[in-house]
Amino acid sequence: ETRPMIVVVNKVDLFADKSRMLPLLTRLSEMWPSAEIFPVSALMKDGLPALLELIRSRLPEGEAQFPDDQISTAPVRFMAAEIIREKLFLQLRQEVPYCIAVEVEHWEEDEERGQTVIHAVIYVARPMHKGMVIGKGGKVLKQVGMEARKDIQELLGGKVHLELWVKVRENWTEDPAFVQEMTRVAEVL
């Protein structure tokens, strides 16, 4: 059985005269005769809805692989850590030290208060990065915490108490044992 193949050609907005694309499209058709060639402009969002519909139409129906209420194969603790990392990157933009790891140290379902209590540590590789992550007067960390808490509450469908700490772990990216432990934690969570 042959699988459907779609070749997506991006940046077609760069061609004012669309007929100049014909040699490229012809060549692609020769390379993959059974493929559907689909020109798009991601920048202009031209052709993306039709591409999505084409992809959906080619996907085979199958048995459900997970329960209806399971939104991902990733554990929710890992997803919570990734939400915190995302908010850090968005908050810090170009200043971001890309050597940031987030570890959920404590996760407790507090049924008495009707909330999930999460304590997470943000690891940075240099002392100067700690100051960047915390921000002047704690402004950056507070904003990250508020935004992450909101998304985690939406993920869990309930109240969340989120506490964040920033710790320096010098050159953690060059410490194979630490990197392996962070990977193991992500898999176990």
N, C-alpha and C. Protein backbone atom coordinates (compact mmCIF):
# COMPACT_ATOMS: atom_id res chain seq x y z
N GLU A 1 0.85 -1.18 0.00
CA GLU A 1 0.00 0.00 0.00
C GLU A 1 0.90 1.25 0.00
N THR A 2 0.64 2.13 -0.90
CA THR A 2 1.43 3.36 -0.94
C THR A 2 0.76 4.41 -0.06
N ARG A 3 1.60 5.10 0.65
CA ARG A 3 1.10 6.16 1.53
C ARG A 3 0.98 7.45 0.75
N PRO A 4 0.02 8.27 1.10
CA PRO A 4 -0.10 9.56 0.41
C PRO A 4 1.11 10.44 0.70
N MET A 5 1.53 11.19 -0.30
CA MET A 5 2.67 12.09 -0.13
C MET A 5 2.24 13.48 -0.59
N ILE A 6 2.55 14.45 0.25
CA ILE A 6 2.26 15.84 -0.08
C ILE A 6 3.57 16.60 0.01
N VAL A 7 3.94 17.29 -1.05
CA VAL A 7 5.14 18.12 -1.05
C VAL A 7 4.67 19.57 -0.95
N VAL A 8 5.05 20.23 0.13
CA VAL A 8 4.63 21.61 0.37
C VAL A 8 5.75 22.53 -0.07
N VAL A 9 5.42 23.45 -0.96
CA VAL A 9 6.37 24.44 -1.46
C VAL A 9 6.01 25.77 -0.80
N ASN A 10 6.90 26.26 0.06
CA ASN A 10 6.64 27.49 0.82
C ASN A 10 7.25 28.70 0.11
N LYS A 11 6.90 29.87 0.59
CA LYS A 11 7.43 31.15 0.14
C LYS A 11 7.00 31.51 -1.28
N VAL A 12 5.84 31.05 -1.70
CA VAL A 12 5.37 31.38 -3.05
C VAL A 12 5.02 32.85 -3.17
N ASP A 13 4.91 33.55 -2.03
CA ASP A 13 4.64 34.98 -2.07
C ASP A 13 5.82 35.76 -2.67
N LEU A 14 6.99 35.13 -2.76
CA LEU A 14 8.16 35.80 -3.34
C LEU A 14 8.09 35.87 -4.87
N PHE A 15 7.16 35.10 -5.45
CA PHE A 15 7.00 35.11 -6.90
C PHE A 15 5.85 36.03 -7.28
N ALA A 16 6.19 37.21 -7.81
CA ALA A 16 5.14 38.11 -8.29
C ALA A 16 4.47 37.49 -9.50
N ASP A 17 5.28 36.89 -10.36
CA ASP A 17 4.78 36.20 -11.55
C ASP A 17 4.75 34.71 -11.23
N LYS A 18 3.57 34.20 -10.93
CA LYS A 18 3.43 32.80 -10.50
C LYS A 18 3.88 31.81 -11.57
N SER A 19 3.87 32.22 -12.82
CA SER A 19 4.30 31.30 -13.88
C SER A 19 5.79 30.96 -13.76
N ARG A 20 6.54 31.78 -13.06
CA ARG A 20 7.97 31.51 -12.87
C ARG A 20 8.20 30.31 -11.93
N MET A 21 7.15 29.88 -11.22
CA MET A 21 7.26 28.72 -10.33
C MET A 21 7.13 27.41 -11.09
N LEU A 22 6.61 27.45 -12.32
CA LEU A 22 6.33 26.22 -13.06
C LEU A 22 7.52 25.29 -13.20
N PRO A 23 8.73 25.79 -13.52
CA PRO A 23 9.86 24.85 -13.62
C PRO A 23 10.13 24.11 -12.30
N LEU A 24 10.02 24.81 -11.19
CA LEU A 24 10.22 24.17 -9.88
C LEU A 24 9.14 23.12 -9.63
N LEU A 25 7.90 23.49 -9.85
CA LEU A 25 6.80 22.56 -9.62
C LEU A 25 6.89 21.35 -10.54
N THR A 26 7.32 21.57 -11.79
CA THR A 26 7.50 20.47 -12.74
C THR A 26 8.59 19.54 -12.25
N ARG A 27 9.70 20.10 -11.80
CA ARG A 27 10.82 19.30 -11.31
C ARG A 27 10.40 18.46 -10.09
N LEU A 28 9.66 19.07 -9.17
CA LEU A 28 9.18 18.35 -8.00
C LEU A 28 8.24 17.20 -8.40
N SER A 29 7.40 17.44 -9.40
CA SER A 29 6.50 16.39 -9.90
C SER A 29 7.27 15.23 -10.49
N GLU A 30 8.40 15.56 -11.14
CA GLU A 30 9.24 14.50 -11.71
C GLU A 30 9.93 13.71 -10.61
N MET A 31 10.36 14.40 -9.55
CA MET A 31 11.04 13.73 -8.45
C MET A 31 10.09 12.81 -7.68
N TRP A 32 8.86 13.28 -7.46
CA TRP A 32 7.87 12.51 -6.71
C TRP A 32 6.58 12.45 -7.53
N PRO A 33 6.51 11.55 -8.49
CA PRO A 33 5.36 11.50 -9.39
C PRO A 33 4.02 11.22 -8.68
N SER A 34 4.04 10.51 -7.57
CA SER A 34 2.78 10.20 -6.89
C SER A 34 2.39 11.24 -5.84
N ALA A 35 3.23 12.25 -5.66
CA ALA A 35 2.97 13.25 -4.63
C ALA A 35 2.04 14.35 -5.13
N GLU A 36 1.32 14.92 -4.18
CA GLU A 36 0.54 16.12 -4.48
C GLU A 36 1.42 17.32 -4.14
N ILE A 37 1.62 18.19 -5.11
CA ILE A 37 2.45 19.39 -4.91
C ILE A 37 1.52 20.51 -4.45
N PHE A 38 1.89 21.12 -3.34
CA PHE A 38 0.99 22.10 -2.74
C PHE A 38 1.75 23.38 -2.41
N PRO A 39 1.61 24.43 -3.22
CA PRO A 39 2.29 25.71 -2.94
C PRO A 39 1.55 26.51 -1.86
N VAL A 40 2.33 27.09 -0.93
CA VAL A 40 1.77 27.92 0.13
C VAL A 40 2.68 29.10 0.42
N SER A 41 2.13 30.04 1.15
CA SER A 41 2.93 31.12 1.73
C SER A 41 2.60 31.14 3.21
N ALA A 42 3.49 30.59 4.02
CA ALA A 42 3.26 30.56 5.46
C ALA A 42 3.20 31.97 6.02
N LEU A 43 4.04 32.85 5.50
CA LEU A 43 4.07 34.23 5.96
C LEU A 43 2.72 34.91 5.76
N MET A 44 2.15 34.74 4.57
CA MET A 44 0.87 35.37 4.24
C MET A 44 -0.32 34.49 4.61
N LYS A 45 -0.02 33.29 5.13
CA LYS A 45 -1.05 32.30 5.48
C LYS A 45 -1.89 31.92 4.27
N ASP A 46 -1.30 32.05 3.11
CA ASP A 46 -1.99 31.72 1.86
C ASP A 46 -1.89 30.21 1.61
N GLY A 47 -3.02 29.55 1.51
CA GLY A 47 -3.04 28.13 1.22
C GLY A 47 -3.00 27.23 2.46
N LEU A 48 -2.78 27.79 3.64
CA LEU A 48 -2.66 26.96 4.84
C LEU A 48 -3.97 26.27 5.24
N PRO A 49 -5.11 26.96 5.20
CA PRO A 49 -6.35 26.24 5.54
C PRO A 49 -6.62 25.08 4.57
N ALA A 50 -6.38 25.31 3.29
CA ALA A 50 -6.59 24.24 2.30
C ALA A 50 -5.60 23.09 2.51
N LEU A 51 -4.35 23.42 2.88
CA LEU A 51 -3.36 22.39 3.16
C LEU A 51 -3.79 21.55 4.36
N LEU A 52 -4.25 22.20 5.41
CA LEU A 52 -4.71 21.48 6.59
C LEU A 52 -5.86 20.54 6.23
N GLU A 53 -6.78 21.02 5.43
CA GLU A 53 -7.91 20.19 5.01
C GLU A 53 -7.43 19.01 4.16
N LEU A 54 -6.46 19.25 3.28
CA LEU A 54 -5.90 18.17 2.46
C LEU A 54 -5.26 17.10 3.34
N ILE A 55 -4.48 17.53 4.31
CA ILE A 55 -3.81 16.59 5.22
C ILE A 55 -4.86 15.78 5.99
N ARG A 56 -5.86 16.47 6.52
CA ARG A 56 -6.93 15.77 7.24
C ARG A 56 -7.62 14.74 6.36
N SER A 57 -7.85 15.09 5.11
CA SER A 57 -8.55 14.17 4.21
C SER A 57 -7.73 12.92 3.89
N ARG A 58 -6.41 13.00 4.05
CA ARG A 58 -5.54 11.86 3.73
C ARG A 58 -5.22 10.99 4.94
N LEU A 59 -5.53 11.48 6.13
CA LEU A 59 -5.24 10.69 7.33
C LEU A 59 -6.24 9.54 7.45
N PRO A 60 -5.73 8.35 7.72
CA PRO A 60 -6.65 7.21 7.84
C PRO A 60 -7.38 7.23 9.18
N GLU A 61 -8.61 6.75 9.17
CA GLU A 61 -9.37 6.57 10.41
C GLU A 61 -8.77 5.39 11.15
N GLY A 62 -8.80 5.45 12.45
CA GLY A 62 -8.26 4.34 13.23
C GLY A 62 -8.92 4.27 14.58
N GLU A 63 -8.59 3.23 15.29
CA GLU A 63 -9.10 3.07 16.65
C GLU A 63 -8.49 4.15 17.54
N ALA A 64 -9.24 4.58 18.55
CA ALA A 64 -8.72 5.55 19.51
C ALA A 64 -7.54 4.91 20.26
N GLN A 65 -6.46 5.64 20.38
CA GLN A 65 -5.27 5.12 21.05
C GLN A 65 -5.22 5.48 22.53
N PHE A 66 -6.04 6.48 22.92
CA PHE A 66 -6.03 6.96 24.30
C PHE A 66 -7.47 7.26 24.71
N PRO A 67 -7.73 7.32 26.01
CA PRO A 67 -9.07 7.70 26.48
C PRO A 67 -9.44 9.11 26.01
N ASP A 68 -10.73 9.38 25.87
CA ASP A 68 -11.20 10.69 25.39
C ASP A 68 -10.73 11.85 26.26
N ASP A 69 -10.58 11.61 27.57
CA ASP A 69 -10.21 12.70 28.47
C ASP A 69 -8.70 12.92 28.57
N GLN A 70 -7.92 12.11 27.87
CA GLN A 70 -6.46 12.27 27.89
C GLN A 70 -6.06 13.18 26.74
N ILE A 71 -5.46 14.34 27.06
CA ILE A 71 -5.17 15.32 26.03
C ILE A 71 -3.79 15.17 25.40
N SER A 72 -2.94 14.34 26.00
CA SER A 72 -1.59 14.18 25.47
C SER A 72 -0.98 12.90 26.00
N THR A 73 0.07 12.44 25.31
CA THR A 73 0.80 11.29 25.83
C THR A 73 1.82 11.74 26.88
N ALA A 74 2.09 13.03 26.93
CA ALA A 74 3.04 13.56 27.92
C ALA A 74 2.35 13.68 29.28
N PRO A 75 3.02 13.32 30.35
CA PRO A 75 2.44 13.47 31.68
C PRO A 75 2.19 14.94 32.01
N VAL A 76 1.15 15.21 32.80
CA VAL A 76 0.79 16.60 33.09
C VAL A 76 1.88 17.35 33.84
N ARG A 77 2.67 16.68 34.66
CA ARG A 77 3.76 17.37 35.37
C ARG A 77 4.80 17.87 34.38
N PHE A 78 5.11 17.05 33.41
CA PHE A 78 6.05 17.47 32.37
C PHE A 78 5.47 18.65 31.59
N MET A 79 4.17 18.56 31.26
CA MET A 79 3.54 19.64 30.52
C MET A 79 3.54 20.94 31.33
N ALA A 80 3.34 20.84 32.65
CA ALA A 80 3.38 22.02 33.51
C ALA A 80 4.77 22.65 33.48
N ALA A 81 5.82 21.82 33.55
CA ALA A 81 7.19 22.34 33.48
C ALA A 81 7.44 23.02 32.14
N GLU A 82 6.92 22.44 31.07
CA GLU A 82 7.11 23.04 29.74
C GLU A 82 6.34 24.35 29.60
N ILE A 83 5.20 24.46 30.24
CA ILE A 83 4.45 25.72 30.23
C ILE A 83 5.27 26.80 30.92
N ILE A 84 5.90 26.46 32.04
CA ILE A 84 6.73 27.44 32.76
C ILE A 84 7.90 27.87 31.87
N ARG A 85 8.56 26.91 31.21
CA ARG A 85 9.66 27.25 30.30
C ARG A 85 9.18 28.15 29.16
N GLU A 86 8.03 27.83 28.60
CA GLU A 86 7.48 28.65 27.52
C GLU A 86 7.28 30.09 27.98
N LYS A 87 6.71 30.27 29.16
CA LYS A 87 6.45 31.62 29.67
C LYS A 87 7.76 32.38 29.91
N LEU A 88 8.80 31.66 30.34
CA LEU A 88 10.11 32.29 30.51
C LEU A 88 10.65 32.79 29.18
N PHE A 89 10.57 31.95 28.16
CA PHE A 89 11.08 32.35 26.84
C PHE A 89 10.30 33.53 26.29
N LEU A 90 8.99 33.52 26.44
CA LEU A 90 8.18 34.62 25.93
C LEU A 90 8.45 35.90 26.70
N GLN A 91 8.67 35.80 27.99
CA GLN A 91 8.91 36.98 28.82
C GLN A 91 10.29 37.59 28.58
N LEU A 92 11.29 36.73 28.39
CA LEU A 92 12.66 37.22 28.28
C LEU A 92 13.08 37.50 26.84
N ARG A 93 12.38 36.92 25.88
CA ARG A 93 12.66 37.11 24.44
C ARG A 93 14.14 36.90 24.13
N GLN A 94 14.81 37.91 23.54
CA GLN A 94 16.20 37.76 23.10
C GLN A 94 17.18 37.65 24.27
N GLU A 95 16.78 38.13 25.44
CA GLU A 95 17.68 38.07 26.60
C GLU A 95 17.80 36.66 27.15
N VAL A 96 16.91 35.80 26.71
CA VAL A 96 16.81 34.48 27.31
C VAL A 96 18.11 33.70 27.28
N PRO A 97 18.53 33.22 28.44
CA PRO A 97 19.60 32.23 28.44
C PRO A 97 18.95 30.91 28.06
N TYR A 98 19.29 30.36 26.91
CA TYR A 98 18.62 29.15 26.45
C TYR A 98 18.97 27.93 27.28
N CYS A 99 19.78 28.13 28.29
CA CYS A 99 20.15 27.04 29.19
C CYS A 99 19.25 27.10 30.42
N ILE A 100 17.96 26.93 30.20
CA ILE A 100 17.00 26.94 31.31
C ILE A 100 16.36 25.56 31.37
N ALA A 101 16.32 25.00 32.57
CA ALA A 101 15.60 23.74 32.79
C ALA A 101 14.60 23.98 33.91
N VAL A 102 13.47 23.33 33.82
CA VAL A 102 12.45 23.46 34.86
C VAL A 102 12.16 22.07 35.41
N GLU A 103 12.22 21.96 36.73
CA GLU A 103 11.93 20.68 37.38
C GLU A 103 10.79 20.88 38.39
N VAL A 104 9.77 20.08 38.26
CA VAL A 104 8.69 20.10 39.24
C VAL A 104 9.16 19.25 40.42
N GLU A 105 9.43 19.92 41.55
CA GLU A 105 9.94 19.21 42.73
C GLU A 105 8.82 18.65 43.60
N HIS A 106 7.68 19.32 43.58
CA HIS A 106 6.59 18.91 44.46
C HIS A 106 5.26 19.09 43.73
N TRP A 107 4.40 18.09 43.80
CA TRP A 107 3.08 18.13 43.17
C TRP A 107 2.12 17.48 44.13
N GLU A 108 1.14 18.23 44.59
CA GLU A 108 0.20 17.69 45.57
C GLU A 108 -1.22 18.11 45.22
N GLU A 109 -2.12 17.14 45.22
CA GLU A 109 -3.54 17.41 45.02
C GLU A 109 -4.11 17.70 46.41
N ASP A 110 -4.35 18.97 46.71
CA ASP A 110 -4.89 19.38 48.01
C ASP A 110 -6.41 19.40 47.90
N GLU A 111 -7.03 18.28 48.20
CA GLU A 111 -8.48 18.16 48.03
C GLU A 111 -9.24 19.02 49.04
N GLU A 112 -8.65 19.23 50.21
CA GLU A 112 -9.29 20.05 51.23
C GLU A 112 -9.50 21.48 50.72
N ARG A 113 -8.51 22.01 50.03
CA ARG A 113 -8.59 23.37 49.48
C ARG A 113 -9.06 23.38 48.02
N GLY A 114 -9.17 22.21 47.44
CA GLY A 114 -9.63 22.12 46.05
C GLY A 114 -8.65 22.71 45.06
N GLN A 115 -7.38 22.41 45.26
CA GLN A 115 -6.36 22.96 44.36
C GLN A 115 -5.17 22.01 44.24
N THR A 116 -4.39 22.23 43.20
CA THR A 116 -3.14 21.49 43.01
C THR A 116 -2.00 22.42 43.42
N VAL A 117 -1.14 21.94 44.29
CA VAL A 117 0.01 22.72 44.76
C VAL A 117 1.25 22.23 44.01
N ILE A 118 1.89 23.17 43.32
CA ILE A 118 3.06 22.83 42.51
C ILE A 118 4.23 23.71 42.93
N HIS A 119 5.36 23.06 43.23
CA HIS A 119 6.61 23.78 43.50
C HIS A 119 7.57 23.40 42.37
N ALA A 120 8.08 24.40 41.67
CA ALA A 120 8.99 24.13 40.55
C ALA A 120 10.26 24.95 40.70
N VAL A 121 11.37 24.34 40.26
CA VAL A 121 12.67 25.01 40.29
C VAL A 121 13.07 25.31 38.85
N ILE A 122 13.51 26.53 38.64
CA ILE A 122 14.04 26.94 37.34
C ILE A 122 15.55 26.95 37.49
N TYR A 123 16.23 26.08 36.75
CA TYR A 123 17.68 26.01 36.80
C TYR A 123 18.27 26.87 35.69
N VAL A 124 19.25 27.68 36.06
CA VAL A 124 20.01 28.48 35.10
C VAL A 124 21.48 28.12 35.22
N ALA A 125 22.25 28.38 34.17
CA ALA A 125 23.64 27.93 34.13
C ALA A 125 24.63 28.96 34.68
N ARG A 126 24.20 30.21 34.87
CA ARG A 126 25.12 31.25 35.34
C ARG A 126 24.42 32.15 36.34
N PRO A 127 25.16 32.70 37.31
CA PRO A 127 24.55 33.60 38.29
C PRO A 127 23.86 34.81 37.64
N MET A 128 24.44 35.36 36.55
CA MET A 128 23.82 36.52 35.91
C MET A 128 22.45 36.17 35.33
N HIS A 129 22.26 34.90 34.93
CA HIS A 129 20.98 34.48 34.38
C HIS A 129 19.89 34.48 35.45
N LYS A 130 20.30 34.20 36.70
CA LYS A 130 19.33 34.18 37.79
C LYS A 130 18.66 35.54 37.92
N GLY A 131 19.47 36.58 37.87
CA GLY A 131 18.93 37.94 37.96
C GLY A 131 17.99 38.26 36.80
N MET A 132 18.33 37.78 35.61
CA MET A 132 17.48 38.02 34.44
C MET A 132 16.12 37.32 34.61
N VAL A 133 16.14 36.11 35.12
CA VAL A 133 14.91 35.34 35.27
C VAL A 133 14.04 35.94 36.38
N ILE A 134 14.66 36.39 37.45
CA ILE A 134 13.89 36.99 38.55
C ILE A 134 13.38 38.37 38.14
N GLY A 135 14.25 39.16 37.50
CA GLY A 135 13.87 40.50 37.09
C GLY A 135 13.93 41.49 38.23
N LYS A 136 13.90 42.75 37.90
CA LYS A 136 13.98 43.82 38.90
C LYS A 136 12.77 43.75 39.82
N GLY A 137 13.05 43.59 41.11
CA GLY A 137 11.98 43.48 42.09
C GLY A 137 11.13 42.22 41.93
N GLY A 138 11.67 41.23 41.24
CA GLY A 138 10.93 39.97 41.05
C GLY A 138 9.87 40.04 39.97
N LYS A 139 9.90 41.13 39.17
CA LYS A 139 8.83 41.38 38.19
C LYS A 139 8.71 40.28 37.15
N VAL A 140 9.82 39.82 36.58
CA VAL A 140 9.79 38.81 35.53
C VAL A 140 9.25 37.49 36.08
N LEU A 141 9.80 37.06 37.20
CA LEU A 141 9.38 35.78 37.79
C LEU A 141 7.90 35.82 38.18
N LYS A 142 7.46 36.94 38.71
CA LYS A 142 6.05 37.08 39.10
C LYS A 142 5.15 36.96 37.86
N GLN A 143 5.52 37.63 36.78
CA GLN A 143 4.73 37.58 35.55
C GLN A 143 4.71 36.17 34.96
N VAL A 144 5.87 35.53 34.94
CA VAL A 144 5.97 34.14 34.46
C VAL A 144 5.06 33.24 35.30
N GLY A 145 5.11 33.41 36.61
CA GLY A 145 4.28 32.60 37.50
C GLY A 145 2.80 32.80 37.26
N MET A 146 2.38 34.05 37.07
CA MET A 146 0.96 34.33 36.84
C MET A 146 0.49 33.71 35.52
N GLU A 147 1.28 33.90 34.47
CA GLU A 147 0.88 33.37 33.17
C GLU A 147 0.91 31.85 33.15
N ALA A 148 1.93 31.26 33.76
CA ALA A 148 2.04 29.80 33.79
C ALA A 148 0.90 29.21 34.63
N ARG A 149 0.62 29.83 35.76
CA ARG A 149 -0.46 29.32 36.62
C ARG A 149 -1.79 29.31 35.87
N LYS A 150 -2.05 30.36 35.12
CA LYS A 150 -3.29 30.45 34.35
C LYS A 150 -3.39 29.30 33.34
N ASP A 151 -2.32 29.04 32.60
CA ASP A 151 -2.33 27.96 31.61
C ASP A 151 -2.40 26.58 32.26
N ILE A 152 -1.71 26.42 33.39
CA ILE A 152 -1.73 25.12 34.08
C ILE A 152 -3.13 24.87 34.65
N GLN A 153 -3.78 25.92 35.16
CA GLN A 153 -5.16 25.77 35.66
C GLN A 153 -6.07 25.31 34.53
N GLU A 154 -5.88 25.89 33.35
CA GLU A 154 -6.69 25.50 32.20
C GLU A 154 -6.41 24.05 31.82
N LEU A 155 -5.15 23.66 31.87
CA LEU A 155 -4.76 22.28 31.56
C LEU A 155 -5.40 21.29 32.54
N LEU A 156 -5.36 21.63 33.82
CA LEU A 156 -5.85 20.72 34.85
C LEU A 156 -7.35 20.86 35.11
N GLY A 157 -7.92 21.97 34.69
CA GLY A 157 -9.34 22.19 34.93
C GLY A 157 -9.66 22.46 36.39
N GLY A 158 -8.75 23.13 37.08
CA GLY A 158 -8.98 23.45 38.50
C GLY A 158 -7.96 24.45 39.00
N LYS A 159 -8.13 24.85 40.25
CA LYS A 159 -7.23 25.84 40.87
C LYS A 159 -5.83 25.28 41.04
N VAL A 160 -4.86 26.20 40.90
CA VAL A 160 -3.45 25.83 41.04
C VAL A 160 -2.75 26.86 41.92
N HIS A 161 -1.97 26.37 42.86
CA HIS A 161 -1.06 27.21 43.65
C HIS A 161 0.34 26.88 43.14
N LEU A 162 0.98 27.85 42.48
CA LEU A 162 2.29 27.62 41.86
C LEU A 162 3.35 28.45 42.54
N GLU A 163 4.40 27.78 42.99
CA GLU A 163 5.55 28.48 43.57
C GLU A 163 6.77 28.17 42.73
N LEU A 164 7.53 29.22 42.40
CA LEU A 164 8.72 29.08 41.56
C LEU A 164 9.96 29.54 42.31
N TRP A 165 11.05 28.80 42.14
CA TRP A 165 12.35 29.18 42.67
C TRP A 165 13.34 29.15 41.52
N VAL A 166 14.34 30.00 41.61
CA VAL A 166 15.40 30.01 40.61
C VAL A 166 16.69 29.61 41.29
N LYS A 167 17.35 28.60 40.72
CA LYS A 167 18.62 28.13 41.28
C LYS A 167 19.68 28.13 40.19
N VAL A 168 20.89 28.47 40.60
CA VAL A 168 22.02 28.43 39.69
C VAL A 168 22.67 27.06 39.80
N ARG A 169 22.87 26.43 38.68
CA ARG A 169 23.62 25.19 38.62
C ARG A 169 24.63 25.40 37.49
N GLU A 170 25.83 25.79 37.88
CA GLU A 170 26.86 26.18 36.93
C GLU A 170 27.02 25.14 35.81
N ASN A 171 26.94 25.62 34.58
CA ASN A 171 27.19 24.80 33.39
C ASN A 171 26.45 23.46 33.42
N TRP A 172 25.20 23.49 33.83
CA TRP A 172 24.45 22.24 33.95
C TRP A 172 24.31 21.52 32.62
N THR A 173 24.38 22.26 31.52
CA THR A 173 24.23 21.62 30.20
C THR A 173 25.41 20.73 29.87
N GLU A 174 26.52 20.94 30.57
CA GLU A 174 27.71 20.12 30.33
C GLU A 174 27.85 19.01 31.37
N ASP A 175 26.83 18.84 32.20
CA ASP A 175 26.83 17.80 33.23
C ASP A 175 25.91 16.67 32.78
N PRO A 176 26.48 15.63 32.17
CA PRO A 176 25.66 14.55 31.61
C PRO A 176 24.73 13.90 32.64
N ALA A 177 25.20 13.79 33.89
CA ALA A 177 24.38 13.16 34.92
C ALA A 177 23.13 14.00 35.21
N PHE A 178 23.30 15.32 35.28
CA PHE A 178 22.16 16.21 35.54
C PHE A 178 21.19 16.19 34.36
N VAL A 179 21.73 16.29 33.14
CA VAL A 179 20.88 16.27 31.95
C VAL A 179 20.11 14.95 31.88
N GLN A 180 20.79 13.85 32.18
CA GLN A 180 20.14 12.55 32.17
C GLN A 180 19.05 12.48 33.24
N GLU A 181 19.33 13.04 34.42
CA GLU A 181 18.33 13.05 35.49
C GLU A 181 17.11 13.86 35.08
N MET A 182 17.32 15.02 34.44
CA MET A 182 16.21 15.86 34.00
C MET A 182 15.39 15.10 32.96
N THR A 183 16.05 14.36 32.08
CA THR A 183 15.36 13.57 31.06
C THR A 183 14.58 12.44 31.72
N ARG A 184 15.20 11.79 32.68
CA ARG A 184 14.53 10.71 33.40
C ARG A 184 13.32 11.21 34.15
N VAL A 185 13.45 12.37 34.79
CA VAL A 185 12.34 12.96 35.53
C VAL A 185 11.19 13.24 34.58
N ALA A 186 11.50 13.80 33.39
CA ALA A 186 10.47 14.08 32.39
C ALA A 186 9.75 12.82 31.97
N GLU A 187 10.48 11.71 31.83
CA GLU A 187 9.87 10.45 31.41
C GLU A 187 9.02 9.84 32.51
N VAL A 188 9.51 9.95 33.77
CA VAL A 188 8.79 9.36 34.89
C VAL A 188 7.53 10.14 35.21
N LEU A 189 7.64 11.48 35.16
CA LEU A 189 6.49 12.30 35.48
C LEU A 189 5.35 11.95 34.57
